[in-house]
Amino acid sequence: MLELTKKNFEEEVLNVEGPVLVDFWGPTCEPCKALMPHVHALEEKYGDKVKFASLDITKARRLAIKQKVMGLPAIIIYKDGAEVERVAESEATATSVEEMVKKYA
């Protein structure tokens, strides 16, 4: 999984053609850590069709706010540089994330 920073976010997410999944997470977010293995498994399953990346919001707080991430975990799919769908907080489950990924894979 590609690790995003405020320096490479635009290049790796906003300037990319096709679907990019971004997992916004934080090191103190237990639901984020519980969801992460499922997201990694989805990358193995759909990684040839969808680009997978993650962003530790503690290292890029302004960027997360700019992307309207107000609660964690937040899984957002961007397509051709624009946000097309997201699941966040209690809605972000292994099942809901996979359902969302399937639409773009």
PDB file of N, CA and C in Angstrom:
ATOM      1  N   MET A   1       0.853  -1.180   0.000  1.00  0.00           N
ATOM      2  CA  MET A   1       0.000   0.000   0.000  1.00  0.00           C
ATOM      3  C   MET A   1       0.895   1.239   0.000  1.00  0.00           C
ATOM      4  N   LEU A   2       0.554   2.155  -0.866  1.00  0.00           N
ATOM      5  CA  LEU A   2       1.329   3.383  -0.999  1.00  0.00           C
ATOM      6  C   LEU A   2       1.067   4.293   0.200  1.00  0.00           C
ATOM      7  N   GLU A   3       2.134   4.785   0.820  1.00  0.00           N
ATOM      8  CA  GLU A   3       1.981   5.703   1.942  1.00  0.00           C
ATOM      9  C   GLU A   3       1.953   7.134   1.410  1.00  0.00           C
ATOM     10  N   LEU A   4       0.861   7.816   1.691  1.00  0.00           N
ATOM     11  CA  LEU A   4       0.709   9.185   1.215  1.00  0.00           C
ATOM     12  C   LEU A   4       1.229  10.189   2.234  1.00  0.00           C
ATOM     13  N   THR A   5       1.671  11.333   1.723  1.00  0.00           N
ATOM     14  CA  THR A   5       2.087  12.453   2.561  1.00  0.00           C
ATOM     15  C   THR A   5       1.480  13.703   1.952  1.00  0.00           C
ATOM     16  N   LYS A   6       1.617  14.823   2.665  1.00  0.00           N
ATOM     17  CA  LYS A   6       1.097  16.057   2.073  1.00  0.00           C
ATOM     18  C   LYS A   6       1.876  16.422   0.814  1.00  0.00           C
ATOM     19  N   LYS A   7       3.104  15.917   0.699  1.00  0.00           N
ATOM     20  CA  LYS A   7       3.919  16.220  -0.486  1.00  0.00           C
ATOM     21  C   LYS A   7       3.489  15.430  -1.726  1.00  0.00           C
ATOM     22  N   ASN A   8       3.100  14.155  -1.548  1.00  0.00           N
ATOM     23  CA  ASN A   8       2.781  13.338  -2.731  1.00  0.00           C
ATOM     24  C   ASN A   8       1.294  13.112  -2.975  1.00  0.00           C
ATOM     25  N   PHE A   9       0.411  13.640  -2.104  1.00  0.00           N
ATOM     26  CA  PHE A   9      -1.027  13.382  -2.225  1.00  0.00           C
ATOM     27  C   PHE A   9      -1.570  13.811  -3.590  1.00  0.00           C
ATOM     28  N   GLU A  10      -1.238  15.031  -3.993  1.00  0.00           N
ATOM     29  CA  GLU A  10      -1.770  15.546  -5.260  1.00  0.00           C
ATOM     30  C   GLU A  10      -1.313  14.678  -6.434  1.00  0.00           C
ATOM     31  N   GLU A  11      -0.020  14.369  -6.453  1.00  0.00           N
ATOM     32  CA  GLU A  11       0.555  13.582  -7.545  1.00  0.00           C
ATOM     33  C   GLU A  11      -0.002  12.157  -7.585  1.00  0.00           C
ATOM     34  N   GLU A  12      -0.156  11.525  -6.412  1.00  0.00           N
ATOM     35  CA  GLU A  12      -0.554  10.111  -6.353  1.00  0.00           C
ATOM     36  C   GLU A  12      -2.063   9.887  -6.344  1.00  0.00           C
ATOM     37  N   VAL A  13      -2.849  10.935  -6.014  1.00  0.00           N
ATOM     38  CA  VAL A  13      -4.303  10.763  -5.916  1.00  0.00           C
ATOM     39  C   VAL A  13      -5.047  11.687  -6.877  1.00  0.00           C
ATOM     40  N   LEU A  14      -4.758  12.970  -6.802  1.00  0.00           N
ATOM     41  CA  LEU A  14      -5.536  13.941  -7.572  1.00  0.00           C
ATOM     42  C   LEU A  14      -5.135  14.022  -9.038  1.00  0.00           C
ATOM     43  N   ASN A  15      -3.902  13.638  -9.358  1.00  0.00           N
ATOM     44  CA  ASN A  15      -3.440  13.703 -10.750  1.00  0.00           C
ATOM     45  C   ASN A  15      -3.381  12.326 -11.408  1.00  0.00           C
ATOM     46  N   VAL A  16      -4.185  11.389 -10.918  1.00  0.00           N
ATOM     47  CA  VAL A  16      -4.149  10.014 -11.417  1.00  0.00           C
ATOM     48  C   VAL A  16      -5.451   9.697 -12.150  1.00  0.00           C
ATOM     49  N   GLU A  17      -5.317   9.002 -13.269  1.00  0.00           N
ATOM     50  CA  GLU A  17      -6.513   8.523 -13.966  1.00  0.00           C
ATOM     51  C   GLU A  17      -6.925   7.200 -13.350  1.00  0.00           C
ATOM     52  N   GLY A  18      -8.239   6.993 -13.250  1.00  0.00           N
ATOM     53  CA  GLY A  18      -8.745   5.742 -12.698  1.00  0.00           C
ATOM     54  C   GLY A  18      -8.962   5.847 -11.194  1.00  0.00           C
ATOM     55  N   PRO A  19      -9.438   4.751 -10.597  1.00  0.00           N
ATOM     56  CA  PRO A  19      -9.807   4.778  -9.178  1.00  0.00           C
ATOM     57  C   PRO A  19      -8.613   4.652  -8.222  1.00  0.00           C
ATOM     58  N   VAL A  20      -8.657   5.460  -7.169  1.00  0.00           N
ATOM     59  CA  VAL A  20      -7.656   5.408  -6.100  1.00  0.00           C
ATOM     60  C   VAL A  20      -8.413   5.364  -4.769  1.00  0.00           C
ATOM     61  N   LEU A  21      -8.130   4.343  -3.960  1.00  0.00           N
ATOM     62  CA  LEU A  21      -8.719   4.263  -2.631  1.00  0.00           C
ATOM     63  C   LEU A  21      -7.723   4.849  -1.643  1.00  0.00           C
ATOM     64  N   VAL A  22      -8.198   5.772  -0.804  1.00  0.00           N
ATOM     65  CA  VAL A  22      -7.339   6.342   0.235  1.00  0.00           C
ATOM     66  C   VAL A  22      -7.931   5.992   1.602  1.00  0.00           C
ATOM     67  N   ASP A  23      -7.105   5.355   2.411  1.00  0.00           N
ATOM     68  CA  ASP A  23      -7.475   5.005   3.779  1.00  0.00           C
ATOM     69  C   ASP A  23      -6.903   6.094   4.689  1.00  0.00           C
ATOM     70  N   PHE A  24      -7.784   6.980   5.192  1.00  0.00           N
ATOM     71  CA  PHE A  24      -7.368   8.018   6.136  1.00  0.00           C
ATOM     72  C   PHE A  24      -7.439   7.387   7.522  1.00  0.00           C
ATOM     73  N   TRP A  25      -6.329   7.416   8.260  1.00  0.00           N
ATOM     74  CA  TRP A  25      -6.272   6.746   9.560  1.00  0.00           C
ATOM     75  C   TRP A  25      -5.378   7.536  10.511  1.00  0.00           C
ATOM     76  N   GLY A  26      -5.434   7.144  11.777  1.00  0.00           N
ATOM     77  CA  GLY A  26      -4.564   7.750  12.778  1.00  0.00           C
ATOM     78  C   GLY A  26      -4.061   6.671  13.726  1.00  0.00           C
ATOM     79  N   PRO A  27      -2.848   6.844  14.270  1.00  0.00           N
ATOM     80  CA  PRO A  27      -2.257   5.811  15.122  1.00  0.00           C
ATOM     81  C   PRO A  27      -3.009   5.552  16.424  1.00  0.00           C
ATOM     82  N   THR A  28      -3.846   6.484  16.868  1.00  0.00           N
ATOM     83  CA  THR A  28      -4.605   6.261  18.103  1.00  0.00           C
ATOM     84  C   THR A  28      -6.037   5.806  17.811  1.00  0.00           C
ATOM     85  N   CYS A  29      -6.361   5.585  16.554  1.00  0.00           N
ATOM     86  CA  CYS A  29      -7.715   5.184  16.147  1.00  0.00           C
ATOM     87  C   CYS A  29      -7.815   3.660  16.102  1.00  0.00           C
ATOM     88  N   GLU A  30      -8.426   3.082  17.133  1.00  0.00           N
ATOM     89  CA  GLU A  30      -8.538   1.615  17.197  1.00  0.00           C
ATOM     90  C   GLU A  30      -9.371   1.044  16.051  1.00  0.00           C
ATOM     91  N   PRO A  31     -10.534   1.657  15.693  1.00  0.00           N
ATOM     92  CA  PRO A  31     -11.289   1.126  14.553  1.00  0.00           C
ATOM     93  C   PRO A  31     -10.465   1.158  13.248  1.00  0.00           C
ATOM     94  N   CYS A  32      -9.598   2.173  13.102  1.00  0.00           N
ATOM     95  CA  CYS A  32      -8.737   2.257  11.910  1.00  0.00           C
ATOM     96  C   CYS A  32      -7.808   1.051  11.855  1.00  0.00           C
ATOM     97  N   LYS A  33      -7.200   0.757  13.005  1.00  0.00           N
ATOM     98  CA  LYS A  33      -6.237  -0.342  13.063  1.00  0.00           C
ATOM     99  C   LYS A  33      -6.930  -1.690  12.851  1.00  0.00           C
ATOM    100  N   ALA A  34      -8.178  -1.792  13.321  1.00  0.00           N
ATOM    101  CA  ALA A  34      -8.933  -3.038  13.132  1.00  0.00           C
ATOM    102  C   ALA A  34      -9.316  -3.226  11.667  1.00  0.00           C
ATOM    103  N   LEU A  35      -9.579  -2.127  10.966  1.00  0.00           N
ATOM    104  CA  LEU A  35     -10.000  -2.188   9.570  1.00  0.00           C
ATOM    105  C   LEU A  35      -8.818  -2.414   8.614  1.00  0.00           C
ATOM    106  N   MET A  36      -7.635  -1.981   9.021  1.00  0.00           N
ATOM    107  CA  MET A  36      -6.478  -1.989   8.127  1.00  0.00           C
ATOM    108  C   MET A  36      -6.170  -3.351   7.490  1.00  0.00           C
ATOM    109  N   PRO A  37      -6.170  -4.465   8.242  1.00  0.00           N
ATOM    110  CA  PRO A  37      -5.877  -5.755   7.591  1.00  0.00           C
ATOM    111  C   PRO A  37      -6.877  -6.084   6.478  1.00  0.00           C
ATOM    112  N   HIS A  38      -8.140  -5.670   6.658  1.00  0.00           N
ATOM    113  CA  HIS A  38      -9.163  -5.912   5.640  1.00  0.00           C
ATOM    114  C   HIS A  38      -8.870  -5.098   4.380  1.00  0.00           C
ATOM    115  N   VAL A  39      -8.424  -3.858   4.571  1.00  0.00           N
ATOM    116  CA  VAL A  39      -8.095  -3.000   3.431  1.00  0.00           C
ATOM    117  C   VAL A  39      -6.883  -3.580   2.686  1.00  0.00           C
ATOM    118  N   HIS A  40      -5.914  -4.080   3.429  1.00  0.00           N
ATOM    119  CA  HIS A  40      -4.737  -4.708   2.797  1.00  0.00           C
ATOM    120  C   HIS A  40      -5.159  -5.950   2.001  1.00  0.00           C
ATOM    121  N   ALA A  41      -6.100  -6.713   2.547  1.00  0.00           N
ATOM    122  CA  ALA A  41      -6.597  -7.905   1.836  1.00  0.00           C
ATOM    123  C   ALA A  41      -7.312  -7.491   0.551  1.00  0.00           C
ATOM    124  N   LEU A  42      -8.055  -6.391   0.598  1.00  0.00           N
ATOM    125  CA  LEU A  42      -8.736  -5.894  -0.606  1.00  0.00           C
ATOM    126  C   LEU A  42      -7.725  -5.456  -1.654  1.00  0.00           C
ATOM    127  N   GLU A  43      -6.607  -4.902  -1.188  1.00  0.00           N
ATOM    128  CA  GLU A  43      -5.563  -4.503  -2.137  1.00  0.00           C
ATOM    129  C   GLU A  43      -5.038  -5.728  -2.889  1.00  0.00           C
ATOM    130  N   GLU A  44      -4.871  -6.842  -2.162  1.00  0.00           N
ATOM    131  CA  GLU A  44      -4.406  -8.067  -2.817  1.00  0.00           C
ATOM    132  C   GLU A  44      -5.423  -8.554  -3.838  1.00  0.00           C
ATOM    133  N   LYS A  45      -6.695  -8.375  -3.531  1.00  0.00           N
ATOM    134  CA  LYS A  45      -7.780  -8.874  -4.381  1.00  0.00           C
ATOM    135  C   LYS A  45      -8.048  -7.949  -5.584  1.00  0.00           C
ATOM    136  N   TYR A  46      -8.025  -6.626  -5.353  1.00  0.00           N
ATOM    137  CA  TYR A  46      -8.428  -5.668  -6.390  1.00  0.00           C
ATOM    138  C   TYR A  46      -7.319  -4.703  -6.813  1.00  0.00           C
ATOM    139  N   GLY A  47      -6.112  -4.927  -6.307  1.00  0.00           N
ATOM    140  CA  GLY A  47      -5.008  -3.996  -6.543  1.00  0.00           C
ATOM    141  C   GLY A  47      -4.620  -3.803  -8.002  1.00  0.00           C
ATOM    142  N   ASP A  48      -5.017  -4.751  -8.857  1.00  0.00           N
ATOM    143  CA  ASP A  48      -4.702  -4.596 -10.279  1.00  0.00           C
ATOM    144  C   ASP A  48      -5.663  -3.608 -10.957  1.00  0.00           C
ATOM    145  N   LYS A  49      -6.808  -3.315 -10.304  1.00  0.00           N
ATOM    146  CA  LYS A  49      -7.812  -2.422 -10.899  1.00  0.00           C
ATOM    147  C   LYS A  49      -7.962  -1.101 -10.142  1.00  0.00           C
ATOM    148  N   VAL A  50      -7.633  -1.132  -8.867  1.00  0.00           N
ATOM    149  CA  VAL A  50      -7.766   0.056  -8.022  1.00  0.00           C
ATOM    150  C   VAL A  50      -6.430   0.290  -7.322  1.00  0.00           C
ATOM    151  N   LYS A  51      -5.982   1.530  -7.310  1.00  0.00           N
ATOM    152  CA  LYS A  51      -4.742   1.882  -6.598  1.00  0.00           C
ATOM    153  C   LYS A  51      -5.093   2.083  -5.122  1.00  0.00           C
ATOM    154  N   PHE A  52      -4.321   1.489  -4.231  1.00  0.00           N
ATOM    155  CA  PHE A  52      -4.574   1.586  -2.789  1.00  0.00           C
ATOM    156  C   PHE A  52      -3.496   2.440  -2.128  1.00  0.00           C
ATOM    157  N   ALA A  53      -3.950   3.358  -1.268  1.00  0.00           N
ATOM    158  CA  ALA A  53      -3.007   4.236  -0.567  1.00  0.00           C
ATOM    159  C   ALA A  53      -3.565   4.554   0.815  1.00  0.00           C
ATOM    160  N   SER A  54      -2.670   4.970   1.711  1.00  0.00           N
ATOM    161  CA  SER A  54      -3.128   5.349   3.053  1.00  0.00           C
ATOM    162  C   SER A  54      -2.453   6.643   3.484  1.00  0.00           C
ATOM    163  N   LEU A  55      -3.165   7.369   4.349  1.00  0.00           N
ATOM    164  CA  LEU A  55      -2.647   8.639   4.845  1.00  0.00           C
ATOM    165  C   LEU A  55      -2.834   8.699   6.355  1.00  0.00           C
ATOM    166  N   ASP A  56      -1.728   8.828   7.071  1.00  0.00           N
ATOM    167  CA  ASP A  56      -1.759   9.032   8.524  1.00  0.00           C
ATOM    168  C   ASP A  56      -2.086  10.502   8.738  1.00  0.00           C
ATOM    169  N   ILE A  57      -3.305  10.776   9.226  1.00  0.00           N
ATOM    170  CA  ILE A  57      -3.741  12.178   9.316  1.00  0.00           C
ATOM    171  C   ILE A  57      -2.965  12.984  10.348  1.00  0.00           C
ATOM    172  N   THR A  58      -2.273  12.309  11.273  1.00  0.00           N
ATOM    173  CA  THR A  58      -1.499  13.073  12.260  1.00  0.00           C
ATOM    174  C   THR A  58      -0.315  13.768  11.594  1.00  0.00           C
ATOM    175  N   LYS A  59       0.074  13.275  10.413  1.00  0.00           N
ATOM    176  CA  LYS A  59       1.193  13.880   9.688  1.00  0.00           C
ATOM    177  C   LYS A  59       0.720  14.858   8.618  1.00  0.00           C
ATOM    178  N   ALA A  60      -0.604  14.924   8.405  1.00  0.00           N
ATOM    179  CA  ALA A  60      -1.134  15.790   7.344  1.00  0.00           C
ATOM    180  C   ALA A  60      -2.544  16.258   7.716  1.00  0.00           C
ATOM    181  N   ARG A  61      -2.644  16.869   8.884  1.00  0.00           N
ATOM    182  CA  ARG A  61      -3.954  17.262   9.405  1.00  0.00           C
ATOM    183  C   ARG A  61      -4.694  18.247   8.483  1.00  0.00           C
ATOM    184  N   ARG A  62      -3.978  19.247   7.993  1.00  0.00           N
ATOM    185  CA  ARG A  62      -4.625  20.230   7.112  1.00  0.00           C
ATOM    186  C   ARG A  62      -5.153  19.588   5.843  1.00  0.00           C
ATOM    187  N   LEU A  63      -4.366  18.670   5.305  1.00  0.00           N
ATOM    188  CA  LEU A  63      -4.776  17.956   4.095  1.00  0.00           C
ATOM    189  C   LEU A  63      -6.054  17.161   4.356  1.00  0.00           C
ATOM    190  N   ALA A  64      -6.114  16.468   5.493  1.00  0.00           N
ATOM    191  CA  ALA A  64      -7.307  15.692   5.840  1.00  0.00           C
ATOM    192  C   ALA A  64      -8.527  16.599   5.962  1.00  0.00           C
ATOM    193  N   ILE A  65      -8.361  17.750   6.597  1.00  0.00           N
ATOM    194  CA  ILE A  65      -9.469  18.693   6.742  1.00  0.00           C
ATOM    195  C   ILE A  65      -9.904  19.206   5.371  1.00  0.00           C
ATOM    196  N   LYS A  66      -8.935  19.495   4.518  1.00  0.00           N
ATOM    197  CA  LYS A  66      -9.240  19.960   3.163  1.00  0.00           C
ATOM    198  C   LYS A  66     -10.052  18.910   2.398  1.00  0.00           C
ATOM    199  N   GLN A  67      -9.802  17.625   2.680  1.00  0.00           N
ATOM    200  CA  GLN A  67     -10.545  16.533   2.044  1.00  0.00           C
ATOM    201  C   GLN A  67     -11.840  16.221   2.809  1.00  0.00           C
ATOM    202  N   LYS A  68     -12.179  17.089   3.769  1.00  0.00           N
ATOM    203  CA  LYS A  68     -13.412  16.971   4.572  1.00  0.00           C
ATOM    204  C   LYS A  68     -13.473  15.681   5.388  1.00  0.00           C
ATOM    205  N   VAL A  69     -12.307  15.234   5.848  1.00  0.00           N
ATOM    206  CA  VAL A  69     -12.254  14.076   6.736  1.00  0.00           C
ATOM    207  C   VAL A  69     -12.401  14.607   8.159  1.00  0.00           C
ATOM    208  N   MET A  70     -13.575  14.374   8.743  1.00  0.00           N
ATOM    209  CA  MET A  70     -13.862  14.910  10.076  1.00  0.00           C
ATOM    210  C   MET A  70     -13.919  13.812  11.135  1.00  0.00           C
ATOM    211  N   GLY A  71     -13.956  12.559  10.693  1.00  0.00           N
ATOM    212  CA  GLY A  71     -13.981  11.443  11.630  1.00  0.00           C
ATOM    213  C   GLY A  71     -13.259  10.261  11.022  1.00  0.00           C
ATOM    214  N   LEU A  72     -12.766   9.388  11.879  1.00  0.00           N
ATOM    215  CA  LEU A  72     -12.014   8.216  11.417  1.00  0.00           C
ATOM    216  C   LEU A  72     -12.713   6.938  11.839  1.00  0.00           C
ATOM    217  N   PRO A  73     -12.459   5.832  11.142  1.00  0.00           N
ATOM    218  CA  PRO A  73     -11.725   5.769   9.881  1.00  0.00           C
ATOM    219  C   PRO A  73     -12.527   6.391   8.740  1.00  0.00           C
ATOM    220  N   ALA A  74     -11.830   6.813   7.700  1.00  0.00           N
ATOM    221  CA  ALA A  74     -12.480   7.317   6.495  1.00  0.00           C
ATOM    222  C   ALA A  74     -11.795   6.678   5.294  1.00  0.00           C
ATOM    223  N   ILE A  75     -12.587   5.999   4.505  1.00  0.00           N
ATOM    224  CA  ILE A  75     -12.078   5.368   3.284  1.00  0.00           C
ATOM    225  C   ILE A  75     -12.745   6.103   2.127  1.00  0.00           C
ATOM    226  N   ILE A  76     -11.935   6.736   1.295  1.00  0.00           N
ATOM    227  CA  ILE A  76     -12.475   7.541   0.197  1.00  0.00           C
ATOM    228  C   ILE A  76     -11.941   7.016  -1.131  1.00  0.00           C
ATOM    229  N   ILE A  77     -12.841   6.914  -2.090  1.00  0.00           N
ATOM    230  CA  ILE A  77     -12.409   6.548  -3.447  1.00  0.00           C
ATOM    231  C   ILE A  77     -12.456   7.801  -4.311  1.00  0.00           C
ATOM    232  N   TYR A  78     -11.336   8.032  -4.966  1.00  0.00           N
ATOM    233  CA  TYR A  78     -11.209   9.132  -5.925  1.00  0.00           C
ATOM    234  C   TYR A  78     -11.146   8.496  -7.310  1.00  0.00           C
ATOM    235  N   LYS A  79     -11.750   9.143  -8.287  1.00  0.00           N
ATOM    236  CA  LYS A  79     -11.632   8.657  -9.661  1.00  0.00           C
ATOM    237  C   LYS A  79     -11.277   9.847 -10.534  1.00  0.00           C
ATOM    238  N   ASP A  80     -10.196   9.701 -11.274  1.00  0.00           N
ATOM    239  CA  ASP A  80      -9.697  10.788 -12.130  1.00  0.00           C
ATOM    240  C   ASP A  80      -9.536  12.086 -11.336  1.00  0.00           C
ATOM    241  N   GLY A  81      -9.083  11.958 -10.083  1.00  0.00           N
ATOM    242  CA  GLY A  81      -8.762  13.121  -9.271  1.00  0.00           C
ATOM    243  C   GLY A  81      -9.894  13.705  -8.452  1.00  0.00           C
ATOM    244  N   ALA A  82     -11.110  13.172  -8.588  1.00  0.00           N
ATOM    245  CA  ALA A  82     -12.246  13.710  -7.832  1.00  0.00           C
ATOM    246  C   ALA A  82     -12.816  12.634  -6.906  1.00  0.00           C
ATOM    247  N   GLU A  83     -13.266  13.067  -5.727  1.00  0.00           N
ATOM    248  CA  GLU A  83     -13.888  12.106  -4.816  1.00  0.00           C
ATOM    249  C   GLU A  83     -15.200  11.619  -5.416  1.00  0.00           C
ATOM    250  N   VAL A  84     -15.394  10.305  -5.427  1.00  0.00           N
ATOM    251  CA  VAL A  84     -16.639   9.751  -5.949  1.00  0.00           C
ATOM    252  C   VAL A  84     -17.469   9.041  -4.877  1.00  0.00           C
ATOM    253  N   GLU A  85     -16.808   8.568  -3.832  1.00  0.00           N
ATOM    254  CA  GLU A  85     -17.561   7.870  -2.789  1.00  0.00           C
ATOM    255  C   GLU A  85     -16.708   7.750  -1.537  1.00  0.00           C
ATOM    256  N   ARG A  86     -17.396   7.662  -0.378  1.00  0.00           N
ATOM    257  CA  ARG A  86     -16.664   7.453   0.873  1.00  0.00           C
ATOM    258  C   ARG A  86     -17.519   6.677   1.863  1.00  0.00           C
ATOM    259  N   VAL A  87     -16.847   5.969   2.753  1.00  0.00           N
ATOM    260  CA  VAL A  87     -17.479   5.416   3.952  1.00  0.00           C
ATOM    261  C   VAL A  87     -16.624   5.903   5.115  1.00  0.00           C
ATOM    262  N   ALA A  88     -17.289   6.285   6.184  1.00  0.00           N
ATOM    263  CA  ALA A  88     -16.540   6.842   7.313  1.00  0.00           C
ATOM    264  C   ALA A  88     -17.142   6.413   8.641  1.00  0.00           C
ATOM    265  N   GLU A  89     -16.305   6.484   9.647  1.00  0.00           N
ATOM    266  CA  GLU A  89     -16.651   6.193  11.030  1.00  0.00           C
ATOM    267  C   GLU A  89     -17.338   4.835  11.141  1.00  0.00           C
ATOM    268  N   SER A  90     -18.520   4.761  11.764  1.00  0.00           N
ATOM    269  CA  SER A  90     -19.147   3.456  12.010  1.00  0.00           C
ATOM    270  C   SER A  90     -19.590   2.771  10.714  1.00  0.00           C
ATOM    271  N   GLU A  91     -19.740   3.532   9.625  1.00  0.00           N
ATOM    272  CA  GLU A  91     -20.117   2.928   8.341  1.00  0.00           C
ATOM    273  C   GLU A  91     -18.943   2.189   7.695  1.00  0.00           C
ATOM    274  N   ALA A  92     -17.724   2.494   8.129  1.00  0.00           N
ATOM    275  CA  ALA A  92     -16.525   1.901   7.520  1.00  0.00           C
ATOM    276  C   ALA A  92     -16.278   0.518   8.105  1.00  0.00           C
ATOM    277  N   THR A  93     -16.878  -0.481   7.475  1.00  0.00           N
ATOM    278  CA  THR A  93     -16.680  -1.869   7.892  1.00  0.00           C
ATOM    279  C   THR A  93     -16.006  -2.609   6.742  1.00  0.00           C
ATOM    280  N   ALA A  94     -15.472  -3.779   7.027  1.00  0.00           N
ATOM    281  CA  ALA A  94     -14.813  -4.568   5.982  1.00  0.00           C
ATOM    282  C   ALA A  94     -15.778  -4.804   4.824  1.00  0.00           C
ATOM    283  N   THR A  95     -17.044  -5.086   5.139  1.00  0.00           N
ATOM    284  CA  THR A  95     -18.043  -5.365   4.107  1.00  0.00           C
ATOM    285  C   THR A  95     -18.360  -4.120   3.286  1.00  0.00           C
ATOM    286  N   SER A  96     -18.600  -2.991   3.958  1.00  0.00           N
ATOM    287  CA  SER A  96     -18.983  -1.778   3.223  1.00  0.00           C
ATOM    288  C   SER A  96     -17.843  -1.277   2.342  1.00  0.00           C
ATOM    289  N   VAL A  97     -16.610  -1.421   2.817  1.00  0.00           N
ATOM    290  CA  VAL A  97     -15.458  -0.984   2.021  1.00  0.00           C
ATOM    291  C   VAL A  97     -15.332  -1.872   0.777  1.00  0.00           C
ATOM    292  N   GLU A  98     -15.509  -3.184   0.952  1.00  0.00           N
ATOM    293  CA  GLU A  98     -15.403  -4.073  -0.213  1.00  0.00           C
ATOM    294  C   GLU A  98     -16.513  -3.795  -1.220  1.00  0.00           C
ATOM    295  N   GLU A  99     -17.735  -3.554  -0.731  1.00  0.00           N
ATOM    296  CA  GLU A  99     -18.848  -3.236  -1.635  1.00  0.00           C
ATOM    297  C   GLU A  99     -18.520  -1.995  -2.458  1.00  0.00           C
ATOM    298  N   MET A 100     -17.935  -0.998  -1.802  1.00  0.00           N
ATOM    299  CA  MET A 100     -17.586   0.239  -2.482  1.00  0.00           C
ATOM    300  C   MET A 100     -16.481  -0.017  -3.520  1.00  0.00           C
ATOM    301  N   VAL A 101     -15.461  -0.776  -3.149  1.00  0.00           N
ATOM    302  CA  VAL A 101     -14.337  -1.051  -4.049  1.00  0.00           C
ATOM    303  C   VAL A 101     -14.826  -1.799  -5.298  1.00  0.00           C
ATOM    304  N   LYS A 102     -15.747  -2.756  -5.100  1.00  0.00           N
ATOM    305  CA  LYS A 102     -16.244  -3.573  -6.216  1.00  0.00           C
ATOM    306  C   LYS A 102     -16.840  -2.702  -7.327  1.00  0.00           C
ATOM    307  N   LYS A 103     -17.457  -1.582  -6.962  1.00  0.00           N
ATOM    308  CA  LYS A 103     -18.082  -0.703  -7.955  1.00  0.00           C
ATOM    309  C   LYS A 103     -17.069  -0.098  -8.915  1.00  0.00           C
ATOM    310  N   TYR A 104     -15.832   0.035  -8.451  1.00  0.00           N
ATOM    311  CA  TYR A 104     -14.802   0.738  -9.253  1.00  0.00           C
ATOM    312  C   TYR A 104     -13.745  -0.211  -9.796  1.00  0.00           C
ATOM    313  N   ALA A 105     -13.796  -1.478  -9.360  1.00  0.00           N
ATOM    314  CA  ALA A 105     -12.777  -2.450  -9.788  1.00  0.00           C
ATOM    315  C   ALA A 105     -13.067  -2.974 -11.194  1.00  0.00           C
TER     316      ALA A 105
END
